Amino acid sequence: EVQLVESGGGMVQPGGSLRLSCAASGFIFSNYDMAWVRQAPGKGPDWVSHINAGGDTTYYADSVKGRFTISRDNDKNTVFLQMNSLQPEDTALYYCARDPPNDGMDYWGKGTLVTVSS
């Protein structure tokens, strides 16, 4: 059974940082691209970032480029999202998803909440 479990969310002041983790199980993690998606209160989901299976190619939404960094540890079956210079508009439920090429995101975690507020 595929499982994705996010952690690391919390409340932080504007300008602060958080590091999200997503622990994967039930599939060969190193064979799959992964992604982070967020959903702000009352809004639809927004794609945040993508990393390929080998970890050497990454993509970011313009809204987070230069502030967020996606990475992965294939030995630990974990994908990360380092978030710096957080702003109130980054407040959202953050999900990791398995994101194979051409198939769309096929498995999602339950999310971890990030709140940026003074």
C-alpha atoms as a PDB file:
ATOM      1  CA  GLU A   1       0.000   0.000   0.000  1.00  0.00           C
ATOM      2  CA  VAL A   2       1.365   3.376  -1.014  1.00  0.00           C
ATOM      3  CA  GLN A   3       1.652   5.765   1.910  1.00  0.00           C
ATOM      4  CA  LEU A   4       2.885   9.353   2.037  1.00  0.00           C
ATOM      5  CA  VAL A   5       3.131  11.003   5.441  1.00  0.00           C
ATOM      6  CA  GLU A   6       3.983  14.689   5.732  1.00  0.00           C
ATOM      7  CA  SER A   7       5.427  16.349   8.806  1.00  0.00           C
ATOM      8  CA  GLY A   8       7.165  19.547   9.847  1.00  0.00           C
ATOM      9  CA  GLY A   9       4.341  22.038   9.568  1.00  0.00           C
ATOM     10  CA  GLY A  10       3.551  24.591  12.227  1.00  0.00           C
ATOM     11  CA  MET A  11       3.163  28.261  12.956  1.00  0.00           C
ATOM     12  CA  VAL A  12       5.947  30.670  12.097  1.00  0.00           C
ATOM     13  CA  GLN A  13       6.339  34.430  11.919  1.00  0.00           C
ATOM     14  CA  PRO A  14       6.789  36.206   8.588  1.00  0.00           C
ATOM     15  CA  GLY A  15      10.362  35.865   7.429  1.00  0.00           C
ATOM     16  CA  GLY A  16      10.791  32.574   9.223  1.00  0.00           C
ATOM     17  CA  SER A  17      11.635  29.120   7.927  1.00  0.00           C
ATOM     18  CA  LEU A  18      10.245  25.612   8.090  1.00  0.00           C
ATOM     19  CA  ARG A  19      11.366  22.291   6.676  1.00  0.00           C
ATOM     20  CA  LEU A  20       8.685  19.868   5.606  1.00  0.00           C
ATOM     21  CA  SER A  21       9.299  16.149   5.247  1.00  0.00           C
ATOM     22  CA  CYS A  22       7.338  13.462   3.465  1.00  0.00           C
ATOM     23  CA  ALA A  23       8.048   9.841   4.317  1.00  0.00           C
ATOM     24  CA  ALA A  24       7.108   7.418   1.559  1.00  0.00           C
ATOM     25  CA  SER A  25       6.424   3.702   1.720  1.00  0.00           C
ATOM     26  CA  GLY A  26       4.787   0.948  -0.289  1.00  0.00           C
ATOM     27  CA  PHE A  27       6.590   1.595  -3.567  1.00  0.00           C
ATOM     28  CA  ILE A  28      10.105   1.915  -4.962  1.00  0.00           C
ATOM     29  CA  PHE A  29      10.635   5.536  -4.013  1.00  0.00           C
ATOM     30  CA  SER A  30      13.777   6.045  -6.096  1.00  0.00           C
ATOM     31  CA  ASN A  31      11.815   5.236  -9.280  1.00  0.00           C
ATOM     32  CA  TYR A  32       9.325   8.082  -8.939  1.00  0.00           C
ATOM     33  CA  ASP A  33       9.227  11.835  -9.351  1.00  0.00           C
ATOM     34  CA  MET A  34       7.641  13.614  -6.401  1.00  0.00           C
ATOM     35  CA  ALA A  35       5.865  16.931  -5.898  1.00  0.00           C
ATOM     36  CA  TRP A  36       4.618  19.334  -3.248  1.00  0.00           C
ATOM     37  CA  VAL A  37       1.215  20.961  -3.604  1.00  0.00           C
ATOM     38  CA  ARG A  38      -0.469  23.412  -1.247  1.00  0.00           C
ATOM     39  CA  GLN A  39      -4.012  24.501  -0.617  1.00  0.00           C
ATOM     40  CA  ALA A  40      -4.731  27.781   1.103  1.00  0.00           C
ATOM     41  CA  PRO A  41      -7.939  28.187   3.120  1.00  0.00           C
ATOM     42  CA  GLY A  42     -10.904  28.618   0.801  1.00  0.00           C
ATOM     43  CA  LYS A  43      -8.847  28.123  -2.367  1.00  0.00           C
ATOM     44  CA  GLY A  44      -8.020  25.322  -4.758  1.00  0.00           C
ATOM     45  CA  PRO A  45      -4.760  23.380  -4.735  1.00  0.00           C
ATOM     46  CA  ASP A  46      -1.638  25.028  -6.157  1.00  0.00           C
ATOM     47  CA  TRP A  47       1.397  23.144  -7.391  1.00  0.00           C
ATOM     48  CA  VAL A  48       4.532  24.252  -5.513  1.00  0.00           C
ATOM     49  CA  SER A  49       7.494  22.169  -6.628  1.00  0.00           C
ATOM     50  CA  HIS A  50       8.613  18.989  -8.389  1.00  0.00           C
ATOM     51  CA  ILE A  51      11.703  16.825  -8.188  1.00  0.00           C
ATOM     52  CA  ASN A  52      12.678  14.006 -10.499  1.00  0.00           C
ATOM     53  CA  ALA A  53      13.438  10.491  -9.339  1.00  0.00           C
ATOM     54  CA  GLY A  54      17.182  11.008  -9.230  1.00  0.00           C
ATOM     55  CA  GLY A  55      16.913  14.323  -7.432  1.00  0.00           C
ATOM     56  CA  ASP A  56      18.942  16.278  -9.981  1.00  0.00           C
ATOM     57  CA  THR A  57      16.110  18.160 -11.673  1.00  0.00           C
ATOM     58  CA  THR A  58      13.736  20.461  -9.829  1.00  0.00           C
ATOM     59  CA  TYR A  59      10.980  22.881 -10.744  1.00  0.00           C
ATOM     60  CA  TYR A  60       9.242  25.603  -8.742  1.00  0.00           C
ATOM     61  CA  ALA A  61       6.175  27.781  -8.955  1.00  0.00           C
ATOM     62  CA  ASP A  62       7.089  31.415  -9.545  1.00  0.00           C
ATOM     63  CA  SER A  63       5.556  32.328  -6.187  1.00  0.00           C
ATOM     64  CA  VAL A  64       8.133  30.272  -4.268  1.00  0.00           C
ATOM     65  CA  LYS A  65      11.162  30.365  -6.555  1.00  0.00           C
ATOM     66  CA  GLY A  66      14.252  31.520  -4.685  1.00  0.00           C
ATOM     67  CA  ARG A  67      12.638  30.895  -1.288  1.00  0.00           C
ATOM     68  CA  PHE A  68      11.759  27.186  -1.305  1.00  0.00           C
ATOM     69  CA  THR A  69      14.044  24.245  -2.041  1.00  0.00           C
ATOM     70  CA  ILE A  70      12.877  20.719  -2.784  1.00  0.00           C
ATOM     71  CA  SER A  71      15.202  17.779  -2.192  1.00  0.00           C
ATOM     72  CA  ARG A  72      15.053  14.071  -1.564  1.00  0.00           C
ATOM     73  CA  ASP A  73      16.927  11.277   0.162  1.00  0.00           C
ATOM     74  CA  ASN A  74      16.342   8.070  -1.760  1.00  0.00           C
ATOM     75  CA  ASP A  75      18.080   6.012   0.916  1.00  0.00           C
ATOM     76  CA  LYS A  76      15.527   7.231   3.467  1.00  0.00           C
ATOM     77  CA  ASN A  77      12.521   7.325   1.102  1.00  0.00           C
ATOM     78  CA  THR A  78      11.886  10.929   2.031  1.00  0.00           C
ATOM     79  CA  VAL A  79      11.267  14.143   0.129  1.00  0.00           C
ATOM     80  CA  PHE A  80      11.791  17.537   1.733  1.00  0.00           C
ATOM     81  CA  LEU A  81      10.670  21.103   1.221  1.00  0.00           C
ATOM     82  CA  GLN A  82      12.855  23.766   2.806  1.00  0.00           C
ATOM     83  CA  MET A  83      10.846  26.965   3.059  1.00  0.00           C
ATOM     84  CA  ASN A  84      12.591  30.249   3.805  1.00  0.00           C
ATOM     85  CA  SER A  85      11.406  33.852   3.945  1.00  0.00           C
ATOM     86  CA  LEU A  86       7.872  32.661   4.638  1.00  0.00           C
ATOM     87  CA  GLN A  87       5.054  35.117   4.128  1.00  0.00           C
ATOM     88  CA  PRO A  88       1.396  35.082   5.223  1.00  0.00           C
ATOM     89  CA  GLU A  89       0.370  34.110   1.696  1.00  0.00           C
ATOM     90  CA  ASP A  90       2.307  30.860   2.150  1.00  0.00           C
ATOM     91  CA  THR A  91      -0.241  29.773   4.763  1.00  0.00           C
ATOM     92  CA  ALA A  92      -1.740  26.532   3.507  1.00  0.00           C
ATOM     93  CA  LEU A  93      -2.072  22.818   3.930  1.00  0.00           C
ATOM     94  CA  TYR A  94       0.969  21.321   2.226  1.00  0.00           C
ATOM     95  CA  TYR A  95       0.715  17.931   0.541  1.00  0.00           C
ATOM     96  CA  CYS A  96       3.332  15.722  -1.005  1.00  0.00           C
ATOM     97  CA  ALA A  97       2.338  13.624  -3.955  1.00  0.00           C
ATOM     98  CA  ARG A  98       3.792  10.916  -6.126  1.00  0.00           C
ATOM     99  CA  ASP A  99       4.099  12.501  -9.551  1.00  0.00           C
ATOM    100  CA  PRO A 100       5.083  10.095 -12.321  1.00  0.00           C
ATOM    101  CA  PRO A 101       5.714  11.661 -15.736  1.00  0.00           C
ATOM    102  CA  ASN A 102       2.679  11.826 -18.043  1.00  0.00           C
ATOM    103  CA  ASP A 103       0.342  10.217 -15.490  1.00  0.00           C
ATOM    104  CA  GLY A 104      -0.379  13.062 -13.101  1.00  0.00           C
ATOM    105  CA  MET A 105      -0.189  12.913  -9.336  1.00  0.00           C
ATOM    106  CA  ASP A 106      -1.526   9.526  -8.369  1.00  0.00           C
ATOM    107  CA  TYR A 107      -1.036   9.345  -4.588  1.00  0.00           C
ATOM    108  CA  TRP A 108      -1.244  12.104  -1.998  1.00  0.00           C
ATOM    109  CA  GLY A 109      -0.509  12.406   1.684  1.00  0.00           C
ATOM    110  CA  LYS A 110      -2.922  13.903   4.180  1.00  0.00           C
ATOM    111  CA  GLY A 111      -0.999  17.149   4.425  1.00  0.00           C
ATOM    112  CA  THR A 112       0.742  19.242   7.043  1.00  0.00           C
ATOM    113  CA  LEU A 113      -0.472  22.712   7.983  1.00  0.00           C
ATOM    114  CA  VAL A 114       1.786  25.735   7.659  1.00  0.00           C
ATOM    115  CA  THR A 115       0.599  28.983   9.205  1.00  0.00           C
ATOM    116  CA  VAL A 116       2.568  32.188   8.744  1.00  0.00           C
ATOM    117  CA  SER A 117       1.385  34.908  11.057  1.00  0.00           C
ATOM    118  CA  SER A 118       2.710  37.573  13.360  1.00  0.00           C
END
